[in-house]
Amino acid sequence: MRHTFVVLFVLLLAPLTGTSAAPVVETTAGTVRGMDEDGVSVFRGIPYAAPPVGELRWRPAQPAEGWTGTKDAPRDATTFGTVCPQALRPGYNAADLADRPMGEDCLTLNV
């Protein structure tokens, strides 16, 4: 009984101490590791379709190629994906996107 109480206490205390591990989930394409942001699990830049290049340009989206990843070595999902190529709107400049490059491998989602 004492062991159960200690485990329960540690599980309840972990969110308060900031020592909780990064969230890891299994998707149909592979395992991803996100991050905890103010108590919310966040996953960024997860591919949902193959890059629309070459034969795939101007065609319906094709499934994303899976990746190898395990609970011990998941795909990193802590940064935003590539921004779709586009002309910048008036008032914006390239420096606004300096940490988020543009590219055709841009079919990703954030959860």
N, C-alpha and C. Protein backbone atom coordinates (compact mmCIF):
# COMPACT_ATOMS: atom_id res chain seq x y z
N MET A 1 0.82 -1.19 0.00
CA MET A 1 0.00 0.00 0.00
C MET A 1 0.87 1.25 0.00
N ARG A 2 1.94 1.23 0.79
CA ARG A 2 2.83 2.39 0.87
C ARG A 2 3.48 2.67 -0.49
N HIS A 3 3.87 1.61 -1.21
CA HIS A 3 4.48 1.75 -2.53
C HIS A 3 3.51 2.46 -3.48
N THR A 4 2.24 2.06 -3.46
CA THR A 4 1.23 2.68 -4.31
C THR A 4 1.09 4.16 -4.00
N PHE A 5 1.10 4.52 -2.74
CA PHE A 5 0.99 5.92 -2.33
C PHE A 5 2.18 6.73 -2.84
N VAL A 6 3.38 6.19 -2.74
CA VAL A 6 4.58 6.89 -3.19
C VAL A 6 4.52 7.11 -4.70
N VAL A 7 4.13 6.09 -5.46
CA VAL A 7 4.04 6.22 -6.92
C VAL A 7 2.99 7.26 -7.28
N LEU A 8 1.82 7.23 -6.63
CA LEU A 8 0.77 8.20 -6.89
C LEU A 8 1.24 9.61 -6.56
N PHE A 9 1.95 9.78 -5.46
CA PHE A 9 2.46 11.09 -5.06
C PHE A 9 3.44 11.62 -6.10
N VAL A 10 4.34 10.78 -6.57
CA VAL A 10 5.32 11.19 -7.58
C VAL A 10 4.62 11.59 -8.88
N LEU A 11 3.62 10.82 -9.31
CA LEU A 11 2.89 11.15 -10.54
C LEU A 11 2.14 12.47 -10.41
N LEU A 12 1.58 12.74 -9.25
CA LEU A 12 0.87 14.00 -9.05
C LEU A 12 1.83 15.18 -8.95
N LEU A 13 3.00 14.96 -8.40
CA LEU A 13 3.97 16.03 -8.19
C LEU A 13 4.74 16.37 -9.46
N ALA A 14 4.93 15.41 -10.38
CA ALA A 14 5.74 15.62 -11.58
C ALA A 14 5.34 16.85 -12.39
N PRO A 15 4.05 17.08 -12.66
CA PRO A 15 3.70 18.27 -13.44
C PRO A 15 4.07 19.58 -12.72
N LEU A 16 4.08 19.56 -11.41
CA LEU A 16 4.40 20.77 -10.66
C LEU A 16 5.89 21.06 -10.63
N THR A 17 6.70 20.04 -10.76
CA THR A 17 8.14 20.22 -10.65
C THR A 17 8.79 20.48 -12.00
N GLY A 18 8.06 20.29 -13.10
CA GLY A 18 8.64 20.52 -14.42
C GLY A 18 9.59 19.41 -14.84
N THR A 19 9.52 18.27 -14.19
CA THR A 19 10.42 17.18 -14.51
C THR A 19 9.77 16.12 -15.40
N SER A 20 8.56 16.39 -15.88
CA SER A 20 7.91 15.41 -16.71
C SER A 20 8.66 15.27 -18.03
N ALA A 21 8.66 14.05 -18.55
CA ALA A 21 9.36 13.76 -19.80
C ALA A 21 8.58 14.34 -20.98
N ALA A 22 9.28 14.56 -22.07
CA ALA A 22 8.63 15.04 -23.29
C ALA A 22 7.65 13.98 -23.76
N PRO A 23 6.46 14.39 -24.24
CA PRO A 23 5.48 13.40 -24.69
C PRO A 23 5.94 12.68 -25.95
N VAL A 24 5.71 11.38 -25.99
CA VAL A 24 6.05 10.55 -27.15
C VAL A 24 4.80 9.77 -27.52
N VAL A 25 4.40 9.85 -28.80
CA VAL A 25 3.22 9.12 -29.27
C VAL A 25 3.55 8.35 -30.54
N GLU A 26 2.77 7.31 -30.76
CA GLU A 26 2.91 6.48 -31.96
C GLU A 26 1.86 6.94 -32.96
N THR A 27 2.28 7.25 -34.19
CA THR A 27 1.34 7.58 -35.27
C THR A 27 1.37 6.45 -36.29
N THR A 28 0.53 6.53 -37.29
CA THR A 28 0.54 5.48 -38.32
C THR A 28 1.81 5.53 -39.14
N ALA A 29 2.52 6.67 -39.14
CA ALA A 29 3.75 6.81 -39.92
C ALA A 29 5.01 6.55 -39.10
N GLY A 30 4.90 6.57 -37.79
CA GLY A 30 6.05 6.36 -36.92
C GLY A 30 5.88 7.07 -35.59
N THR A 31 6.87 6.97 -34.74
CA THR A 31 6.81 7.55 -33.41
C THR A 31 7.36 8.98 -33.45
N VAL A 32 6.71 9.89 -32.71
CA VAL A 32 7.16 11.28 -32.64
C VAL A 32 7.29 11.72 -31.18
N ARG A 33 8.24 12.62 -30.95
CA ARG A 33 8.44 13.21 -29.63
C ARG A 33 8.11 14.69 -29.73
N GLY A 34 7.19 15.14 -28.91
CA GLY A 34 6.82 16.54 -28.88
C GLY A 34 7.45 17.22 -27.68
N MET A 35 6.72 18.20 -27.14
CA MET A 35 7.19 18.91 -25.96
C MET A 35 6.00 19.33 -25.14
N ASP A 36 6.27 19.67 -23.90
CA ASP A 36 5.24 20.15 -23.00
C ASP A 36 5.32 21.67 -22.95
N GLU A 37 4.22 22.35 -23.23
CA GLU A 37 4.16 23.80 -23.20
C GLU A 37 3.04 24.21 -22.27
N ASP A 38 3.40 24.65 -21.07
CA ASP A 38 2.40 25.07 -20.07
C ASP A 38 1.37 23.99 -19.79
N GLY A 39 1.82 22.75 -19.67
CA GLY A 39 0.92 21.65 -19.34
C GLY A 39 0.18 21.05 -20.52
N VAL A 40 0.48 21.50 -21.74
CA VAL A 40 -0.17 20.99 -22.94
C VAL A 40 0.88 20.29 -23.80
N SER A 41 0.57 19.08 -24.26
CA SER A 41 1.47 18.37 -25.16
C SER A 41 1.38 18.99 -26.55
N VAL A 42 2.53 19.36 -27.12
CA VAL A 42 2.59 20.04 -28.41
C VAL A 42 3.47 19.24 -29.36
N PHE A 43 2.98 19.03 -30.58
CA PHE A 43 3.73 18.32 -31.62
C PHE A 43 3.71 19.21 -32.85
N ARG A 44 4.87 19.48 -33.43
CA ARG A 44 4.98 20.39 -34.57
C ARG A 44 5.69 19.72 -35.74
N GLY A 45 5.33 20.16 -36.94
CA GLY A 45 6.05 19.73 -38.15
C GLY A 45 5.90 18.26 -38.48
N ILE A 46 4.74 17.67 -38.20
CA ILE A 46 4.54 16.25 -38.51
C ILE A 46 4.05 16.14 -39.96
N PRO A 47 4.78 15.42 -40.82
CA PRO A 47 4.36 15.29 -42.23
C PRO A 47 3.03 14.56 -42.34
N TYR A 48 2.10 15.13 -43.13
CA TYR A 48 0.83 14.45 -43.38
C TYR A 48 0.70 14.00 -44.82
N ALA A 49 1.61 14.42 -45.68
CA ALA A 49 1.61 14.00 -47.08
C ALA A 49 3.03 14.10 -47.63
N ALA A 50 3.24 13.41 -48.74
CA ALA A 50 4.55 13.45 -49.41
C ALA A 50 4.78 14.85 -49.99
N PRO A 51 6.03 15.29 -50.06
CA PRO A 51 6.32 16.60 -50.66
C PRO A 51 5.80 16.66 -52.10
N PRO A 52 5.11 17.75 -52.48
CA PRO A 52 4.54 17.86 -53.83
C PRO A 52 5.57 18.31 -54.86
N VAL A 53 6.53 17.47 -55.13
CA VAL A 53 7.60 17.80 -56.07
C VAL A 53 7.65 16.75 -57.19
N GLY A 54 8.30 17.10 -58.29
CA GLY A 54 8.46 16.16 -59.40
C GLY A 54 7.12 15.66 -59.92
N GLU A 55 6.94 14.34 -59.99
CA GLU A 55 5.71 13.72 -60.50
C GLU A 55 4.49 14.05 -59.63
N LEU A 56 4.71 14.47 -58.40
CA LEU A 56 3.59 14.75 -57.50
C LEU A 56 3.09 16.19 -57.59
N ARG A 57 3.80 17.02 -58.35
CA ARG A 57 3.38 18.43 -58.47
C ARG A 57 2.03 18.50 -59.19
N TRP A 58 1.13 19.31 -58.67
CA TRP A 58 -0.21 19.53 -59.20
C TRP A 58 -1.05 18.26 -59.23
N ARG A 59 -0.78 17.35 -58.34
CA ARG A 59 -1.54 16.11 -58.21
C ARG A 59 -2.14 16.06 -56.80
N PRO A 60 -3.13 15.19 -56.60
CA PRO A 60 -3.65 15.02 -55.23
C PRO A 60 -2.53 14.59 -54.28
N ALA A 61 -2.63 15.02 -53.06
CA ALA A 61 -1.60 14.68 -52.06
C ALA A 61 -1.50 13.16 -51.90
N GLN A 62 -0.27 12.69 -51.76
CA GLN A 62 0.01 11.28 -51.53
C GLN A 62 0.39 11.09 -50.07
N PRO A 63 0.22 9.89 -49.54
CA PRO A 63 0.55 9.66 -48.13
C PRO A 63 2.02 9.99 -47.84
N ALA A 64 2.25 10.48 -46.65
CA ALA A 64 3.62 10.75 -46.21
C ALA A 64 4.37 9.44 -46.10
N GLU A 65 5.64 9.48 -46.45
CA GLU A 65 6.49 8.31 -46.28
C GLU A 65 6.72 8.14 -44.79
N GLY A 66 6.57 6.95 -44.30
CA GLY A 66 6.79 6.69 -42.88
C GLY A 66 8.25 6.86 -42.51
N TRP A 67 8.51 6.86 -41.24
CA TRP A 67 9.88 6.99 -40.76
C TRP A 67 10.09 5.95 -39.67
N THR A 68 11.34 5.60 -39.50
CA THR A 68 11.65 4.67 -38.44
C THR A 68 11.81 5.47 -37.17
N GLY A 69 11.21 5.00 -36.16
CA GLY A 69 11.29 5.67 -34.87
C GLY A 69 10.71 4.76 -33.82
N THR A 70 11.33 4.73 -32.69
CA THR A 70 10.85 3.92 -31.58
C THR A 70 10.64 4.82 -30.38
N LYS A 71 10.07 4.29 -29.34
CA LYS A 71 9.88 5.07 -28.11
C LYS A 71 11.21 5.60 -27.60
N ASP A 72 12.29 4.86 -27.87
CA ASP A 72 13.62 5.28 -27.41
C ASP A 72 14.28 6.27 -28.37
N ALA A 73 13.87 6.29 -29.64
CA ALA A 73 14.48 7.19 -30.63
C ALA A 73 13.40 7.70 -31.59
N PRO A 74 12.48 8.53 -31.10
CA PRO A 74 11.40 9.02 -31.96
C PRO A 74 11.81 10.17 -32.86
N ARG A 75 10.99 10.47 -33.85
CA ARG A 75 11.19 11.64 -34.72
C ARG A 75 10.93 12.89 -33.89
N ASP A 76 11.76 13.89 -34.05
CA ASP A 76 11.60 15.14 -33.33
C ASP A 76 10.41 15.92 -33.89
N ALA A 77 9.48 16.31 -33.04
CA ALA A 77 8.31 17.09 -33.47
C ALA A 77 8.19 18.33 -32.56
N THR A 78 9.32 19.02 -32.39
CA THR A 78 9.32 20.19 -31.51
C THR A 78 9.49 21.50 -32.27
N THR A 79 9.69 21.44 -33.58
CA THR A 79 9.85 22.66 -34.37
C THR A 79 8.84 22.68 -35.52
N PHE A 80 8.46 23.87 -35.94
CA PHE A 80 7.51 24.02 -37.03
C PHE A 80 8.13 23.50 -38.32
N GLY A 81 7.29 23.05 -39.24
CA GLY A 81 7.75 22.59 -40.54
C GLY A 81 8.10 23.76 -41.44
N THR A 82 8.55 23.44 -42.63
CA THR A 82 8.92 24.44 -43.64
C THR A 82 7.68 25.21 -44.08
N VAL A 83 7.83 26.50 -44.31
CA VAL A 83 6.74 27.35 -44.80
C VAL A 83 6.58 27.13 -46.31
N CYS A 84 5.34 27.04 -46.79
CA CYS A 84 5.09 26.89 -48.23
C CYS A 84 5.63 28.11 -48.97
N PRO A 85 6.25 27.90 -50.15
CA PRO A 85 6.75 29.04 -50.92
C PRO A 85 5.62 30.00 -51.26
N GLN A 86 5.86 31.27 -51.03
CA GLN A 86 4.84 32.29 -51.29
C GLN A 86 5.47 33.67 -51.32
N ALA A 87 4.80 34.57 -51.99
CA ALA A 87 5.26 35.96 -51.98
C ALA A 87 4.89 36.55 -50.62
N LEU A 88 5.77 37.37 -50.09
CA LEU A 88 5.50 37.98 -48.80
C LEU A 88 4.48 39.10 -48.95
N ARG A 89 3.58 39.18 -48.01
CA ARG A 89 2.57 40.24 -48.04
C ARG A 89 3.22 41.58 -47.74
N PRO A 90 2.62 42.66 -48.18
CA PRO A 90 3.15 44.00 -47.87
C PRO A 90 3.27 44.17 -46.35
N GLY A 91 4.37 44.73 -45.94
CA GLY A 91 4.60 44.93 -44.51
C GLY A 91 5.39 43.81 -43.85
N TYR A 92 5.56 42.69 -44.55
CA TYR A 92 6.36 41.59 -44.03
C TYR A 92 7.69 41.56 -44.77
N ASN A 93 8.69 41.03 -44.12
CA ASN A 93 9.96 40.87 -44.81
C ASN A 93 10.55 39.51 -44.48
N ALA A 94 11.57 39.13 -45.19
CA ALA A 94 12.18 37.81 -45.02
C ALA A 94 12.70 37.59 -43.60
N ALA A 95 13.09 38.66 -42.93
CA ALA A 95 13.60 38.53 -41.56
C ALA A 95 12.53 37.97 -40.62
N ASP A 96 11.24 38.24 -40.94
CA ASP A 96 10.14 37.71 -40.12
C ASP A 96 10.09 36.19 -40.16
N LEU A 97 10.62 35.60 -41.22
CA LEU A 97 10.60 34.14 -41.38
C LEU A 97 12.01 33.54 -41.29
N ALA A 98 12.93 34.27 -40.73
CA ALA A 98 14.33 33.82 -40.70
C ALA A 98 14.50 32.45 -40.07
N ASP A 99 13.73 32.14 -39.03
CA ASP A 99 13.87 30.85 -38.37
C ASP A 99 12.93 29.79 -38.96
N ARG A 100 12.18 30.16 -40.02
CA ARG A 100 11.26 29.22 -40.67
C ARG A 100 11.42 29.32 -42.18
N PRO A 101 12.35 28.59 -42.74
CA PRO A 101 12.61 28.68 -44.18
C PRO A 101 11.43 28.20 -45.02
N MET A 102 11.37 28.70 -46.25
CA MET A 102 10.35 28.26 -47.21
C MET A 102 10.90 27.09 -48.01
N GLY A 103 10.01 26.20 -48.43
CA GLY A 103 10.41 25.07 -49.24
C GLY A 103 9.20 24.25 -49.65
N GLU A 104 9.39 23.37 -50.62
CA GLU A 104 8.28 22.58 -51.13
C GLU A 104 7.92 21.39 -50.24
N ASP A 105 8.79 21.00 -49.34
CA ASP A 105 8.48 19.93 -48.39
C ASP A 105 7.76 20.58 -47.21
N CYS A 106 6.53 21.05 -47.46
CA CYS A 106 5.84 21.90 -46.50
C CYS A 106 4.52 21.32 -46.01
N LEU A 107 4.19 20.10 -46.36
CA LEU A 107 2.91 19.53 -45.97
C LEU A 107 3.02 18.86 -44.60
N THR A 108 3.04 19.71 -43.58
CA THR A 108 3.17 19.25 -42.20
C THR A 108 2.04 19.85 -41.37
N LEU A 109 1.79 19.27 -40.22
CA LEU A 109 0.78 19.81 -39.33
C LEU A 109 1.31 19.94 -37.92
N ASN A 110 0.64 20.76 -37.16
CA ASN A 110 0.98 20.99 -35.75
C ASN A 110 -0.23 20.58 -34.92
N VAL A 111 0.03 19.86 -33.84
CA VAL A 111 -1.04 19.40 -32.97
C VAL A 111 -0.77 19.90 -31.57
